[in-house]
Amino acid sequence: MTRRELAILTIVSWALAAVAGFIATPLQAQDCRSSPYAGVDWHGCGKKSLMLDGSDFVQANLAEVDFSYTDLRNSIFTSADLTKAKLIRAALAGARADRANFQRVEAYRAGFQGVRANGSSFLAAELQRADFSEAELKAANFRKADLSRAIFDRAIITGVSFAYANLSRADLTTAIFDGPIDFQNAFLFQTRIEGMDLSAATGLDQHQLDMACGNALTRLPAGLAASGQWPCPEDEKD
């Protein structure tokens, strides 16, 4: 084969490879550059440090999207898939996210204040220091989630599952609920439960309560007793 023929063959090979690459990923490349809309496919896209407040993400594919430090306040995530998305220090205050999938998200210090996420899944999510103040979380699934130091000030948590979750130093004292909450095998080291009526809670055992921070106003299921260590010293509540 002559040098000229070899050069032509090389150019043709490069052209075919480029065309094949374009055919394989045109939708992903196009959607990553698109503005938000219902059903958008941003799977794996980088959307860090953006102003996306008030966006429509209904039924969107947002799996593995990097939303770190992004403003997503008042956006709509109804039935959206955010599996493994990064929401580190993201702002989602006032968002509507009923039946959304937040499984295995990284959401350290994320702001979920006033979020409506009824029936949503936060399975195995990393939610350390997340703020769920005044959020509506009926029947939400926090199974195996890391909620250490999370805040649930006046959040509605009726029917929530905290099974196997890490709730160490989380604050549940002013959470609102009517009915059982599942604490099966949850880690309750210095979890704030002062004044809570946990008489209908399921999955609680004496060892969990002995680690938690309750007080004389904390009501417990039959067969369980207040810990002799209650109330916790003030410096252990920080």
Protein backbone atom coordinates (compact mmCIF):
# COMPACT_ATOMS: atom_id res chain seq x y z
CA MET A 1 0.00 0.00 0.00
CA THR A 2 1.39 3.42 -0.99
CA ARG A 3 1.73 6.30 1.45
CA ARG A 4 -1.06 8.14 -0.37
CA GLU A 5 -3.42 5.17 -0.04
CA LEU A 6 -2.51 4.78 3.63
CA ALA A 7 -3.22 8.46 4.30
CA ILE A 8 -6.59 8.25 2.55
CA LEU A 9 -7.49 5.12 4.55
CA THR A 10 -6.57 6.86 7.81
CA ILE A 11 -8.72 9.90 7.01
CA VAL A 12 -11.67 7.70 6.08
CA SER A 13 -11.29 5.73 9.34
CA TRP A 14 -11.29 8.94 11.39
CA ALA A 15 -14.38 10.19 9.56
CA LEU A 16 -16.27 6.95 10.14
CA ALA A 17 -15.34 6.99 13.84
CA ALA A 18 -16.58 10.57 14.18
CA VAL A 19 -19.88 9.73 12.49
CA ALA A 20 -20.33 6.65 14.66
CA GLY A 21 -19.71 8.71 17.79
CA PHE A 22 -22.23 11.33 16.72
CA ILE A 23 -24.88 8.70 16.00
CA ALA A 24 -24.28 6.97 19.34
CA THR A 25 -24.67 10.06 21.56
CA PRO A 26 -26.47 12.91 19.77
CA LEU A 27 -29.42 12.96 22.16
CA GLN A 28 -27.29 13.06 25.27
CA ALA A 29 -25.11 15.86 23.90
CA GLN A 30 -28.18 17.83 22.81
CA ASP A 31 -30.07 17.37 26.11
CA CYS A 32 -27.08 18.34 28.26
CA ARG A 33 -27.06 21.71 26.52
CA SER A 34 -30.83 22.16 26.59
CA SER A 35 -32.87 24.25 28.97
CA PRO A 36 -34.99 22.39 31.56
CA TYR A 37 -38.32 20.94 30.46
CA ALA A 38 -40.63 18.15 31.59
CA GLY A 39 -39.12 14.78 30.71
CA VAL A 40 -35.67 16.17 29.87
CA ASP A 41 -32.87 13.58 29.75
CA TRP A 42 -29.85 15.03 31.54
CA HIS A 43 -28.46 11.67 32.65
CA GLY A 44 -24.87 12.20 33.76
CA CYS A 45 -24.77 15.89 32.78
CA GLY A 46 -22.82 18.53 34.68
CA LYS A 47 -25.15 21.24 36.03
CA LYS A 48 -23.05 22.59 38.88
CA SER A 49 -23.35 26.12 40.34
CA LEU A 50 -26.26 27.20 38.10
CA MET A 51 -29.43 29.25 38.65
CA LEU A 52 -32.24 26.84 37.75
CA ASP A 53 -34.89 27.97 40.22
CA GLY A 54 -38.49 27.40 39.15
CA SER A 55 -37.58 24.76 36.56
CA ASP A 56 -39.93 22.03 35.31
CA PHE A 57 -38.34 18.59 35.78
CA VAL A 58 -41.52 16.50 35.85
CA GLN A 59 -40.62 12.87 35.03
CA ALA A 60 -37.12 14.00 34.01
CA ASN A 61 -34.11 11.66 33.88
CA LEU A 62 -31.65 13.42 36.20
CA ALA A 63 -29.73 10.33 37.29
CA GLU A 64 -26.07 11.06 38.12
CA VAL A 65 -26.45 14.78 37.30
CA ASP A 66 -24.07 17.05 39.23
CA PHE A 67 -26.31 19.75 40.75
CA SER A 68 -23.79 20.72 43.46
CA TYR A 69 -24.25 24.33 44.64
CA THR A 70 -27.09 24.79 42.12
CA ASP A 71 -30.19 26.85 42.88
CA LEU A 72 -33.20 24.56 42.30
CA ARG A 73 -35.66 26.35 44.56
CA ASN A 74 -39.37 26.06 43.71
CA SER A 75 -38.64 23.62 40.88
CA ILE A 76 -40.93 20.70 40.08
CA PHE A 77 -39.42 17.20 40.35
CA THR A 78 -42.64 15.18 40.43
CA SER A 79 -41.82 11.54 39.53
CA ALA A 80 -38.31 12.57 38.40
CA ASP A 81 -35.36 10.17 38.65
CA LEU A 82 -32.37 11.67 40.50
CA THR A 83 -30.62 8.38 41.32
CA LYS A 84 -26.99 9.04 42.32
CA ALA A 85 -27.32 12.75 41.55
CA LYS A 86 -24.99 15.15 43.36
CA LEU A 87 -26.90 17.77 45.35
CA ILE A 88 -24.07 18.93 47.60
CA ARG A 89 -25.12 22.28 49.13
CA ALA A 90 -27.84 22.55 46.48
CA ALA A 91 -30.89 24.69 47.26
CA LEU A 92 -34.25 22.92 46.76
CA ALA A 93 -36.40 25.00 49.11
CA GLY A 94 -40.06 24.99 48.10
CA ALA A 95 -39.58 22.34 45.42
CA ARG A 96 -42.35 19.87 44.60
CA ALA A 97 -40.97 16.35 44.40
CA ASP A 98 -43.78 13.89 45.13
CA ARG A 99 -42.85 10.32 44.14
CA ALA A 100 -39.39 11.45 43.03
CA ASN A 101 -36.44 9.07 43.20
CA PHE A 102 -33.57 10.47 45.28
CA GLN A 103 -31.95 7.08 45.82
CA ARG A 104 -28.22 7.26 46.64
CA VAL A 105 -27.96 11.01 46.05
CA GLU A 106 -25.06 12.93 47.58
CA ALA A 107 -26.77 15.84 49.29
CA TYR A 108 -24.45 17.04 52.06
CA ARG A 109 -25.85 20.29 53.53
CA ALA A 110 -28.58 20.43 50.88
CA GLY A 111 -31.52 22.71 51.60
CA PHE A 112 -34.87 20.89 51.39
CA GLN A 113 -36.80 23.50 53.40
CA GLY A 114 -40.49 23.39 52.59
CA VAL A 115 -40.04 20.66 49.98
CA ARG A 116 -43.08 18.51 49.23
CA ALA A 117 -41.76 15.00 48.66
CA ASN A 118 -44.61 12.68 49.62
CA GLY A 119 -43.96 9.08 48.65
CA SER A 120 -40.44 9.86 47.49
CA SER A 121 -37.47 7.55 47.97
CA PHE A 122 -34.22 8.65 49.63
CA LEU A 123 -32.96 5.08 49.90
CA ALA A 124 -29.27 4.96 50.88
CA ALA A 125 -28.94 8.70 50.25
CA GLU A 126 -26.13 10.75 51.79
CA LEU A 127 -28.00 13.57 53.54
CA GLN A 128 -25.58 14.66 56.26
CA ARG A 129 -26.62 18.05 57.72
CA ALA A 130 -29.47 18.35 55.20
CA ASP A 131 -32.23 20.75 56.23
CA PHE A 132 -35.80 19.41 55.89
CA SER A 133 -37.43 22.17 57.93
CA GLU A 134 -41.19 22.40 57.20
CA ALA A 135 -40.89 19.77 54.46
CA GLU A 136 -43.84 17.47 53.69
CA LEU A 137 -42.47 13.93 53.63
CA LYS A 138 -45.47 11.64 54.08
CA ALA A 139 -44.58 7.98 53.43
CA ALA A 140 -41.08 8.95 52.27
CA ASN A 141 -38.46 6.20 52.34
CA PHE A 142 -35.20 7.07 54.13
CA ARG A 143 -34.16 3.45 54.54
CA LYS A 144 -30.34 3.12 54.91
CA ALA A 145 -29.92 6.89 54.42
CA ASP A 146 -27.20 8.86 56.22
CA LEU A 147 -29.12 11.62 58.02
CA SER A 148 -26.51 12.51 60.61
CA ARG A 149 -27.19 16.01 61.99
CA ALA A 150 -30.15 16.43 59.62
CA ILE A 151 -32.85 18.91 60.67
CA PHE A 152 -36.58 18.07 60.58
CA ASP A 153 -37.95 21.22 62.23
CA ARG A 154 -41.77 21.10 61.80
CA ALA A 155 -41.40 18.62 58.96
CA ILE A 156 -44.35 16.28 58.32
CA ILE A 157 -43.00 12.73 58.58
CA THR A 158 -46.16 10.63 58.87
CA GLY A 159 -45.49 7.08 57.66
CA VAL A 160 -41.77 7.69 57.05
CA SER A 161 -39.34 4.76 57.14
CA PHE A 162 -36.02 5.41 58.88
CA ALA A 163 -35.16 1.70 58.90
CA TYR A 164 -31.38 1.13 59.04
CA ALA A 165 -30.82 4.89 58.67
CA ASN A 166 -28.08 6.83 60.44
CA LEU A 167 -29.88 9.48 62.48
CA SER A 168 -26.99 10.34 64.78
CA ARG A 169 -27.44 13.87 66.18
CA ALA A 170 -30.41 14.48 63.87
CA ASP A 171 -33.15 16.72 65.29
CA LEU A 172 -36.70 15.30 65.23
CA THR A 173 -38.06 17.17 68.24
CA THR A 174 -40.55 19.37 66.40
CA ALA A 175 -41.39 16.98 63.56
CA ILE A 176 -45.11 16.51 62.90
CA PHE A 177 -46.68 13.09 62.38
CA ASP A 178 -49.87 11.15 62.92
CA GLY A 179 -49.28 7.42 62.99
CA PRO A 180 -46.34 5.04 63.08
CA ILE A 181 -42.77 5.77 62.00
CA ASP A 182 -40.39 2.89 61.28
CA PHE A 183 -37.10 3.00 63.23
CA GLN A 184 -36.06 -0.61 62.66
CA ASN A 185 -32.30 -0.88 63.30
CA ALA A 186 -31.88 2.89 62.92
CA PHE A 187 -28.76 4.36 64.54
CA LEU A 188 -30.01 6.89 67.10
CA PHE A 189 -26.81 8.13 68.72
CA GLN A 190 -27.79 11.41 70.43
CA THR A 191 -30.77 11.77 68.11
CA ARG A 192 -33.01 14.56 69.43
CA ILE A 193 -36.40 13.08 70.37
CA GLU A 194 -37.30 15.29 73.33
CA GLY A 195 -41.05 15.66 73.77
CA MET A 196 -41.93 13.34 70.90
CA ASP A 197 -44.87 10.96 71.10
CA LEU A 198 -43.30 7.75 69.80
CA SER A 199 -45.91 5.46 71.33
CA ALA A 200 -46.96 4.24 67.86
CA ALA A 201 -43.41 3.98 66.47
CA THR A 202 -42.26 0.62 65.17
CA GLY A 203 -38.85 -1.03 65.27
CA LEU A 204 -37.61 0.76 68.39
CA ASP A 205 -35.67 -1.12 71.05
CA GLN A 206 -34.20 -0.16 74.40
CA HIS A 207 -30.63 0.03 73.10
CA GLN A 208 -31.62 2.68 70.55
CA LEU A 209 -33.36 4.76 73.20
CA ASP A 210 -30.41 4.54 75.56
CA MET A 211 -28.29 6.25 72.87
CA ALA A 212 -30.86 8.90 71.95
CA CYS A 213 -31.63 12.23 73.63
CA GLY A 214 -35.14 12.19 75.06
CA ASN A 215 -36.71 13.68 78.17
CA ALA A 216 -39.59 13.19 80.59
CA LEU A 217 -42.07 14.30 77.90
CA THR A 218 -40.97 11.67 75.39
CA ARG A 219 -43.66 8.99 75.05
CA LEU A 220 -42.54 5.48 74.13
CA PRO A 221 -44.09 2.22 72.88
CA ALA A 222 -45.25 -0.27 75.47
CA GLY A 223 -42.42 -2.27 76.99
CA LEU A 224 -39.77 0.43 76.54
CA ALA A 225 -38.52 2.86 79.17
CA ALA A 226 -36.84 6.24 79.27
CA SER A 227 -33.07 6.03 79.43
CA GLY A 228 -31.35 6.76 82.71
CA GLN A 229 -29.06 9.06 80.70
CA TRP A 230 -31.91 11.41 79.75
CA PRO A 231 -31.91 14.34 79.30
CA CYS A 232 -28.65 14.64 77.40
CA PRO A 233 -26.21 17.33 78.54
CA GLU A 234 -26.52 20.51 76.47
CA ASP A 235 -23.02 20.13 74.99
CA GLU A 236 -24.00 16.77 73.53
CA LYS A 237 -26.90 18.31 71.63
CA ASP A 238 -24.76 20.59 69.46
